[in-house]
Amino acid sequence: MERTALLFLILNLWTTALECKLVPGFLKQLDAGNGQVFGVTSSNTVFTLYGGAWTMIRGSLKHVSVGPAGVWGVDSSNFIYRLQNGEWVVVGGLLKQVDAGGSVFAAGVNMYDDIFCGVGWKTLPGKLKYYSCGPYSCWGVNSADQIFIMKVEQVYCARCENKLLHIPGALSMIEVSTDGKVYGVNSNGDVFTRDGVSPRAPAGTGWRHIPIGRAIKHVSYDLGHLWAIAKDDQILECTE
């Protein structure tokens, strides 16, 4: 109880009301970007939202991501795939989580929490269990739920001094939207967004609690819609 109270104090629990509705179906993870939504079920079946309904895509993936870098996924053996002409094409390397939110390349982390991005999977410093990129910042969380940020120019410039900057707070997963907004979930299932994020201030100013009324395990944001997966795999679509 003391740890939870301290975490809430650190994360500045300002609140914003959202209208959330249940979306038919069950998913363990989803990702929204570029006006598209993809997700996977507990049995690793892949779906995309098309015309207001979930359409199954042939293939078996445990994690999927959609964004400016395309549509990517990883399977239960950590093999990496990219969706091309309606088919999943194997890409070299092994990742447990992949993110397509970067403006140029995909990024992700492997089973050892090593961080990779770009063509040939350039290794980045540090250890993260979850990693997500946007137009001007990449965010991640490590095995201790500590939060880190790396500016995009640091990620994609080989000569830059790449460093992860620690951000106060604790989250179990984090996602950066196509327009740079940052959302995450803590171990209790509470949802937070990062206020003040901009090209000039990619680290933002503080965390704000987003009350949803359900214990959430995964979130993704795109075009004014916050998508959330509850701990029982139910899907919620939230708007302000």
C-alpha atoms as a PDB file:
ATOM      1  CA  MET A   1       0.000   0.000   0.000  1.00  0.00           C
ATOM      2  CA  GLU A   2       2.831   2.438   0.855  1.00  0.00           C
ATOM      3  CA  ARG A   3       4.587   1.637  -2.429  1.00  0.00           C
ATOM      4  CA  THR A   4       1.378   2.306  -4.391  1.00  0.00           C
ATOM      5  CA  ALA A   5       0.782   5.597  -2.577  1.00  0.00           C
ATOM      6  CA  LEU A   6       4.349   6.690  -3.255  1.00  0.00           C
ATOM      7  CA  LEU A   7       4.038   5.773  -6.929  1.00  0.00           C
ATOM      8  CA  PHE A   8       0.842   7.817  -7.271  1.00  0.00           C
ATOM      9  CA  LEU A   9       2.562  10.779  -5.624  1.00  0.00           C
ATOM     10  CA  ILE A  10       5.486  10.547  -8.025  1.00  0.00           C
ATOM     11  CA  LEU A  11       3.234  10.318 -11.058  1.00  0.00           C
ATOM     12  CA  ASN A  12       1.206  13.462 -10.243  1.00  0.00           C
ATOM     13  CA  LEU A  13      -2.308  12.093 -10.330  1.00  0.00           C
ATOM     14  CA  TRP A  14      -4.127  14.794 -12.266  1.00  0.00           C
ATOM     15  CA  THR A  15      -7.097  13.244 -14.034  1.00  0.00           C
ATOM     16  CA  THR A  16      -8.889  13.609 -17.337  1.00  0.00           C
ATOM     17  CA  ALA A  17     -12.283  12.048 -18.024  1.00  0.00           C
ATOM     18  CA  LEU A  18     -12.618   9.833 -21.073  1.00  0.00           C
ATOM     19  CA  GLU A  19     -15.619   8.190 -22.639  1.00  0.00           C
ATOM     20  CA  CYS A  20     -14.817   4.512 -23.136  1.00  0.00           C
ATOM     21  CA  LYS A  21     -16.830   1.822 -24.858  1.00  0.00           C
ATOM     22  CA  LEU A  22     -16.313  -1.905 -25.155  1.00  0.00           C
ATOM     23  CA  VAL A  23     -15.322  -3.123 -28.594  1.00  0.00           C
ATOM     24  CA  PRO A  24     -16.470  -6.640 -29.533  1.00  0.00           C
ATOM     25  CA  GLY A  25     -13.750  -9.276 -29.370  1.00  0.00           C
ATOM     26  CA  PHE A  26     -10.806 -10.196 -27.178  1.00  0.00           C
ATOM     27  CA  LEU A  27      -7.136  -9.333 -27.720  1.00  0.00           C
ATOM     28  CA  LYS A  28      -4.014  -9.642 -25.590  1.00  0.00           C
ATOM     29  CA  GLN A  29      -2.211  -6.784 -27.398  1.00  0.00           C
ATOM     30  CA  LEU A  30      -2.958  -4.206 -30.071  1.00  0.00           C
ATOM     31  CA  ASP A  31      -1.315  -1.252 -31.761  1.00  0.00           C
ATOM     32  CA  ALA A  32      -2.790   1.787 -33.502  1.00  0.00           C
ATOM     33  CA  GLY A  33      -0.999   4.058 -35.951  1.00  0.00           C
ATOM     34  CA  ASN A  34      -1.462   5.841 -39.265  1.00  0.00           C
ATOM     35  CA  GLY A  35      -5.218   5.356 -38.972  1.00  0.00           C
ATOM     36  CA  GLN A  36      -4.923   1.562 -38.663  1.00  0.00           C
ATOM     37  CA  VAL A  37      -5.411  -0.845 -35.769  1.00  0.00           C
ATOM     38  CA  PHE A  38      -3.854  -4.309 -35.530  1.00  0.00           C
ATOM     39  CA  GLY A  39      -4.019  -6.798 -32.680  1.00  0.00           C
ATOM     40  CA  VAL A  40      -3.325 -10.370 -31.597  1.00  0.00           C
ATOM     41  CA  THR A  41      -5.332 -12.807 -29.497  1.00  0.00           C
ATOM     42  CA  SER A  42      -4.189 -15.094 -26.685  1.00  0.00           C
ATOM     43  CA  SER A  43      -3.818 -17.845 -29.315  1.00  0.00           C
ATOM     44  CA  ASN A  44      -1.603 -15.526 -31.467  1.00  0.00           C
ATOM     45  CA  THR A  45      -4.217 -15.009 -34.174  1.00  0.00           C
ATOM     46  CA  VAL A  46      -3.747 -11.665 -35.963  1.00  0.00           C
ATOM     47  CA  PHE A  47      -6.571  -9.214 -36.654  1.00  0.00           C
ATOM     48  CA  THR A  48      -6.951  -5.748 -38.152  1.00  0.00           C
ATOM     49  CA  LEU A  49      -9.878  -3.384 -37.725  1.00  0.00           C
ATOM     50  CA  TYR A  50     -11.476  -2.868 -41.129  1.00  0.00           C
ATOM     51  CA  GLY A  51     -14.832  -1.183 -41.703  1.00  0.00           C
ATOM     52  CA  GLY A  52     -15.601  -1.284 -37.995  1.00  0.00           C
ATOM     53  CA  ALA A  53     -15.090  -5.050 -37.719  1.00  0.00           C
ATOM     54  CA  TRP A  54     -12.121  -7.271 -36.894  1.00  0.00           C
ATOM     55  CA  THR A  55     -10.723  -9.031 -39.963  1.00  0.00           C
ATOM     56  CA  MET A  56      -8.377 -11.974 -39.476  1.00  0.00           C
ATOM     57  CA  ILE A  57      -5.002 -11.920 -41.195  1.00  0.00           C
ATOM     58  CA  ARG A  58      -3.282 -15.211 -41.903  1.00  0.00           C
ATOM     59  CA  GLY A  59      -0.308 -15.774 -39.642  1.00  0.00           C
ATOM     60  CA  SER A  60       0.597 -16.378 -36.005  1.00  0.00           C
ATOM     61  CA  LEU A  61       2.127 -13.545 -33.961  1.00  0.00           C
ATOM     62  CA  LYS A  62       2.456 -12.732 -30.258  1.00  0.00           C
ATOM     63  CA  HIS A  63       3.012  -8.990 -30.800  1.00  0.00           C
ATOM     64  CA  VAL A  64       2.161  -6.633 -33.670  1.00  0.00           C
ATOM     65  CA  SER A  65       2.889  -2.965 -34.414  1.00  0.00           C
ATOM     66  CA  VAL A  66       1.709  -0.494 -37.059  1.00  0.00           C
ATOM     67  CA  GLY A  67       3.090   2.949 -37.847  1.00  0.00           C
ATOM     68  CA  PRO A  68       5.125   5.022 -40.299  1.00  0.00           C
ATOM     69  CA  ALA A  69       7.635   2.158 -40.613  1.00  0.00           C
ATOM     70  CA  GLY A  70       4.892  -0.236 -41.784  1.00  0.00           C
ATOM     71  CA  VAL A  71       3.266  -3.222 -40.111  1.00  0.00           C
ATOM     72  CA  TRP A  72       5.580  -5.474 -38.118  1.00  0.00           C
ATOM     73  CA  GLY A  73       5.230  -8.417 -35.770  1.00  0.00           C
ATOM     74  CA  VAL A  74       7.083 -11.114 -33.857  1.00  0.00           C
ATOM     75  CA  ASP A  75       6.043 -14.708 -33.295  1.00  0.00           C
ATOM     76  CA  SER A  76       6.309 -17.023 -30.301  1.00  0.00           C
ATOM     77  CA  SER A  77       9.868 -17.954 -31.338  1.00  0.00           C
ATOM     78  CA  ASN A  78      10.858 -14.259 -31.560  1.00  0.00           C
ATOM     79  CA  PHE A  79      11.199 -14.330 -35.352  1.00  0.00           C
ATOM     80  CA  ILE A  80      10.473 -10.929 -36.917  1.00  0.00           C
ATOM     81  CA  TYR A  81       7.981 -10.308 -39.732  1.00  0.00           C
ATOM     82  CA  ARG A  82       6.893  -7.390 -41.883  1.00  0.00           C
ATOM     83  CA  LEU A  83       3.557  -7.279 -43.696  1.00  0.00           C
ATOM     84  CA  GLN A  84       4.133  -6.832 -47.438  1.00  0.00           C
ATOM     85  CA  ASN A  85       1.364  -7.172 -50.031  1.00  0.00           C
ATOM     86  CA  GLY A  86      -0.832  -8.944 -47.520  1.00  0.00           C
ATOM     87  CA  GLU A  87       1.784 -11.539 -46.567  1.00  0.00           C
ATOM     88  CA  TRP A  88       4.092 -11.782 -43.563  1.00  0.00           C
ATOM     89  CA  VAL A  89       7.712 -11.743 -44.768  1.00  0.00           C
ATOM     90  CA  VAL A  90      10.459 -12.916 -42.422  1.00  0.00           C
ATOM     91  CA  VAL A  91      13.051 -10.280 -41.504  1.00  0.00           C
ATOM     92  CA  GLY A  92      16.444 -11.260 -40.131  1.00  0.00           C
ATOM     93  CA  GLY A  93      17.023 -11.083 -36.390  1.00  0.00           C
ATOM     94  CA  LEU A  94      15.183 -12.027 -33.214  1.00  0.00           C
ATOM     95  CA  LEU A  95      12.998  -9.706 -31.106  1.00  0.00           C
ATOM     96  CA  LYS A  96      10.388 -10.295 -28.419  1.00  0.00           C
ATOM     97  CA  GLN A  97       8.717  -6.909 -29.057  1.00  0.00           C
ATOM     98  CA  VAL A  98       8.815  -4.692 -32.143  1.00  0.00           C
ATOM     99  CA  ASP A  99       7.647  -1.132 -32.753  1.00  0.00           C
ATOM    100  CA  ALA A 100       6.823   0.526 -36.091  1.00  0.00           C
ATOM    101  CA  GLY A 101       6.240   4.037 -34.759  1.00  0.00           C
ATOM    102  CA  GLY A 102       9.528   5.562 -35.880  1.00  0.00           C
ATOM    103  CA  SER A 103       9.489   7.786 -38.947  1.00  0.00           C
ATOM    104  CA  VAL A 104      12.170   5.724 -40.703  1.00  0.00           C
ATOM    105  CA  PHE A 105      12.875   2.333 -39.142  1.00  0.00           C
ATOM    106  CA  ALA A 106      11.310  -0.224 -36.846  1.00  0.00           C
ATOM    107  CA  ALA A 107      12.800  -0.804 -33.403  1.00  0.00           C
ATOM    108  CA  GLY A 108      12.446  -3.316 -30.612  1.00  0.00           C
ATOM    109  CA  VAL A 109      13.970  -5.401 -27.850  1.00  0.00           C
ATOM    110  CA  ASN A 110      15.120  -9.012 -27.746  1.00  0.00           C
ATOM    111  CA  MET A 111      14.760 -11.751 -25.141  1.00  0.00           C
ATOM    112  CA  TYR A 112      17.769 -10.374 -23.262  1.00  0.00           C
ATOM    113  CA  ASP A 113      16.282  -6.833 -23.164  1.00  0.00           C
ATOM    114  CA  ASP A 114      18.879  -5.559 -25.649  1.00  0.00           C
ATOM    115  CA  ILE A 115      17.603  -2.615 -27.738  1.00  0.00           C
ATOM    116  CA  PHE A 116      17.747  -2.524 -31.546  1.00  0.00           C
ATOM    117  CA  CYS A 117      16.600  -0.264 -34.382  1.00  0.00           C
ATOM    118  CA  GLY A 118      16.945   0.295 -38.113  1.00  0.00           C
ATOM    119  CA  VAL A 119      18.277  -1.641 -41.052  1.00  0.00           C
ATOM    120  CA  GLY A 120      20.590  -4.364 -39.807  1.00  0.00           C
ATOM    121  CA  TRP A 121      19.244  -3.846 -36.274  1.00  0.00           C
ATOM    122  CA  LYS A 122      21.714  -1.360 -34.857  1.00  0.00           C
ATOM    123  CA  THR A 123      22.348  -2.029 -31.158  1.00  0.00           C
ATOM    124  CA  LEU A 124      21.480   0.801 -28.775  1.00  0.00           C
ATOM    125  CA  PRO A 125      22.802   1.199 -25.228  1.00  0.00           C
ATOM    126  CA  GLY A 126      20.915   0.036 -22.174  1.00  0.00           C
ATOM    127  CA  LYS A 127      18.444  -2.689 -21.274  1.00  0.00           C
ATOM    128  CA  LEU A 128      14.682  -2.392 -21.823  1.00  0.00           C
ATOM    129  CA  LYS A 129      11.816  -4.863 -21.814  1.00  0.00           C
ATOM    130  CA  TYR A 130       9.555  -2.615 -23.927  1.00  0.00           C
ATOM    131  CA  TYR A 131      10.502   0.105 -26.412  1.00  0.00           C
ATOM    132  CA  SER A 132       8.442   2.474 -28.571  1.00  0.00           C
ATOM    133  CA  CYS A 133       9.342   5.326 -30.927  1.00  0.00           C
ATOM    134  CA  GLY A 134       7.525   8.386 -32.200  1.00  0.00           C
ATOM    135  CA  PRO A 135       8.401  11.373 -34.395  1.00  0.00           C
ATOM    136  CA  TYR A 136      10.866  12.969 -31.972  1.00  0.00           C
ATOM    137  CA  SER A 137      11.373  10.628 -29.021  1.00  0.00           C
ATOM    138  CA  CYS A 138      11.676   6.955 -28.170  1.00  0.00           C
ATOM    139  CA  TRP A 139      10.519   5.702 -24.779  1.00  0.00           C
ATOM    140  CA  GLY A 140      11.031   2.450 -22.945  1.00  0.00           C
ATOM    141  CA  VAL A 141      10.702   0.634 -19.639  1.00  0.00           C
ATOM    142  CA  ASN A 142      13.103  -1.848 -18.085  1.00  0.00           C
ATOM    143  CA  SER A 143      12.558  -4.994 -16.038  1.00  0.00           C
ATOM    144  CA  ALA A 144      12.223  -2.879 -12.882  1.00  0.00           C
ATOM    145  CA  ASP A 145       9.501  -0.723 -14.532  1.00  0.00           C
ATOM    146  CA  GLN A 146      11.832   2.282 -14.654  1.00  0.00           C
ATOM    147  CA  ILE A 147      11.084   4.697 -17.506  1.00  0.00           C
ATOM    148  CA  PHE A 148      13.608   6.034 -20.028  1.00  0.00           C
ATOM    149  CA  ILE A 149      13.635   8.325 -23.060  1.00  0.00           C
ATOM    150  CA  MET A 150      16.015   8.722 -25.976  1.00  0.00           C
ATOM    151  CA  LYS A 151      15.720  11.536 -28.519  1.00  0.00           C
ATOM    152  CA  VAL A 152      15.147  10.361 -32.084  1.00  0.00           C
ATOM    153  CA  GLU A 153      18.263  12.099 -33.407  1.00  0.00           C
ATOM    154  CA  GLN A 154      20.262  10.086 -30.888  1.00  0.00           C
ATOM    155  CA  VAL A 155      18.685   6.855 -32.057  1.00  0.00           C
ATOM    156  CA  TYR A 156      19.260   7.301 -35.776  1.00  0.00           C
ATOM    157  CA  CYS A 157      22.594   9.135 -35.760  1.00  0.00           C
ATOM    158  CA  ALA A 158      25.506   6.718 -35.471  1.00  0.00           C
ATOM    159  CA  ARG A 159      27.860   9.471 -34.320  1.00  0.00           C
ATOM    160  CA  CYS A 160      25.628  10.755 -31.555  1.00  0.00           C
ATOM    161  CA  GLU A 161      26.311   9.981 -27.933  1.00  0.00           C
ATOM    162  CA  ASN A 162      23.359   7.673 -27.375  1.00  0.00           C
ATOM    163  CA  LYS A 163      22.141   7.805 -23.800  1.00  0.00           C
ATOM    164  CA  LEU A 164      18.940   6.765 -22.095  1.00  0.00           C
ATOM    165  CA  LEU A 165      17.565   9.534 -19.891  1.00  0.00           C
ATOM    166  CA  HIS A 166      15.758   8.302 -16.790  1.00  0.00           C
ATOM    167  CA  ILE A 167      12.253   9.707 -16.247  1.00  0.00           C
ATOM    168  CA  PRO A 168      10.695   9.561 -12.738  1.00  0.00           C
ATOM    169  CA  GLY A 169       7.818   7.128 -12.341  1.00  0.00           C
ATOM    170  CA  ALA A 170       7.132   3.445 -12.893  1.00  0.00           C
ATOM    171  CA  LEU A 171       5.366   1.791 -15.845  1.00  0.00           C
ATOM    172  CA  SER A 172       5.146  -1.787 -17.074  1.00  0.00           C
ATOM    173  CA  MET A 173       4.634  -0.810 -20.737  1.00  0.00           C
ATOM    174  CA  ILE A 174       4.739   2.408 -22.748  1.00  0.00           C
ATOM    175  CA  GLU A 175       3.703   3.513 -26.249  1.00  0.00           C
ATOM    176  CA  VAL A 176       4.446   6.594 -28.346  1.00  0.00           C
ATOM    177  CA  SER A 177       1.811   7.576 -30.912  1.00  0.00           C
ATOM    178  CA  THR A 178       2.373   8.674 -34.497  1.00  0.00           C
ATOM    179  CA  ASP A 179       1.911  12.304 -33.410  1.00  0.00           C
ATOM    180  CA  GLY A 180       4.281  11.974 -30.441  1.00  0.00           C
ATOM    181  CA  LYS A 181       1.868  11.479 -27.547  1.00  0.00           C
ATOM    182  CA  VAL A 182       3.070   9.123 -24.810  1.00  0.00           C
ATOM    183  CA  TYR A 183       0.861   6.686 -22.897  1.00  0.00           C
ATOM    184  CA  GLY A 184       1.693   3.896 -20.484  1.00  0.00           C
ATOM    185  CA  VAL A 185       0.343   1.415 -17.960  1.00  0.00           C
ATOM    186  CA  ASN A 186       1.678   0.588 -14.506  1.00  0.00           C
ATOM    187  CA  SER A 187       1.707  -2.777 -12.745  1.00  0.00           C
ATOM    188  CA  ASN A 188      -1.632  -1.998 -11.057  1.00  0.00           C
ATOM    189  CA  GLY A 189      -3.361  -1.519 -14.413  1.00  0.00           C
ATOM    190  CA  ASP A 190      -3.563   2.296 -14.180  1.00  0.00           C
ATOM    191  CA  VAL A 191      -3.141   4.342 -17.379  1.00  0.00           C
ATOM    192  CA  PHE A 192      -1.032   7.499 -17.634  1.00  0.00           C
ATOM    193  CA  THR A 193      -0.133  10.037 -20.302  1.00  0.00           C
ATOM    194  CA  ARG A 194       2.877  12.325 -20.414  1.00  0.00           C
ATOM    195  CA  ASP A 195       1.993  16.032 -20.481  1.00  0.00           C
ATOM    196  CA  GLY A 196       4.033  18.720 -22.236  1.00  0.00           C
ATOM    197  CA  VAL A 197       5.672  16.475 -24.841  1.00  0.00           C
ATOM    198  CA  SER A 198       6.778  18.436 -27.918  1.00  0.00           C
ATOM    199  CA  PRO A 199       9.669  18.577 -30.398  1.00  0.00           C
ATOM    200  CA  ARG A 200      11.404  21.138 -28.153  1.00  0.00           C
ATOM    201  CA  ALA A 201      10.579  19.256 -24.945  1.00  0.00           C
ATOM    202  CA  PRO A 202      10.452  15.561 -25.887  1.00  0.00           C
ATOM    203  CA  ALA A 203      10.615  14.486 -22.222  1.00  0.00           C
ATOM    204  CA  GLY A 204       7.470  16.459 -21.349  1.00  0.00           C
ATOM    205  CA  THR A 205       6.617  17.883 -17.944  1.00  0.00           C
ATOM    206  CA  GLY A 206       4.841  15.221 -15.897  1.00  0.00           C
ATOM    207  CA  TRP A 207       2.572  12.188 -15.759  1.00  0.00           C
ATOM    208  CA  ARG A 208      -1.210  12.528 -15.690  1.00  0.00           C
ATOM    209  CA  HIS A 209      -3.559   9.723 -14.668  1.00  0.00           C
ATOM    210  CA  ILE A 210      -6.217   8.666 -17.183  1.00  0.00           C
ATOM    211  CA  PRO A 211      -9.109   7.067 -15.258  1.00  0.00           C
ATOM    212  CA  ILE A 212     -10.709   4.245 -17.225  1.00  0.00           C
ATOM    213  CA  GLY A 213     -12.364   2.265 -14.440  1.00  0.00           C
ATOM    214  CA  ARG A 214     -10.794  -1.040 -15.472  1.00  0.00           C
ATOM    215  CA  ALA A 215      -7.452  -2.706 -14.807  1.00  0.00           C
ATOM    216  CA  ILE A 216      -5.552  -2.252 -18.085  1.00  0.00           C
ATOM    217  CA  LYS A 217      -2.499  -4.133 -19.352  1.00  0.00           C
ATOM    218  CA  HIS A 218      -1.863  -2.492 -22.747  1.00  0.00           C
ATOM    219  CA  VAL A 219      -2.622   0.835 -24.458  1.00  0.00           C
ATOM    220  CA  SER A 220      -2.097   2.500 -27.820  1.00  0.00           C
ATOM    221  CA  TYR A 221      -3.163   5.930 -29.107  1.00  0.00           C
ATOM    222  CA  ASP A 222      -3.907   7.225 -32.604  1.00  0.00           C
ATOM    223  CA  LEU A 223      -5.975  10.048 -34.108  1.00  0.00           C
ATOM    224  CA  GLY A 224      -7.768  11.001 -30.889  1.00  0.00           C
ATOM    225  CA  HIS A 225      -8.581   7.431 -29.894  1.00  0.00           C
ATOM    226  CA  LEU A 226      -7.016   5.671 -26.909  1.00  0.00           C
ATOM    227  CA  TRP A 227      -7.202   1.921 -27.322  1.00  0.00           C
ATOM    228  CA  ALA A 228      -6.884  -0.179 -24.181  1.00  0.00           C
ATOM    229  CA  ILE A 229      -6.730  -3.894 -23.451  1.00  0.00           C
ATOM    230  CA  ALA A 230      -8.104  -4.894 -20.059  1.00  0.00           C
ATOM    231  CA  LYS A 231      -6.456  -7.629 -18.037  1.00  0.00           C
ATOM    232  CA  ASP A 232      -9.259  -9.985 -19.121  1.00  0.00           C
ATOM    233  CA  ASP A 233      -8.442  -9.221 -22.805  1.00  0.00           C
ATOM    234  CA  GLN A 234     -11.535  -7.095 -23.372  1.00  0.00           C
ATOM    235  CA  ILE A 235     -10.997  -4.168 -25.773  1.00  0.00           C
ATOM    236  CA  LEU A 236     -11.877  -0.559 -24.976  1.00  0.00           C
ATOM    237  CA  GLU A 237     -11.930   2.456 -27.275  1.00  0.00           C
ATOM    238  CA  CYS A 238     -11.750   5.773 -25.416  1.00  0.00           C
ATOM    239  CA  THR A 239     -12.203   9.341 -26.608  1.00  0.00           C
ATOM    240  CA  GLU A 240     -12.222  12.696 -24.809  1.00  0.00           C
END
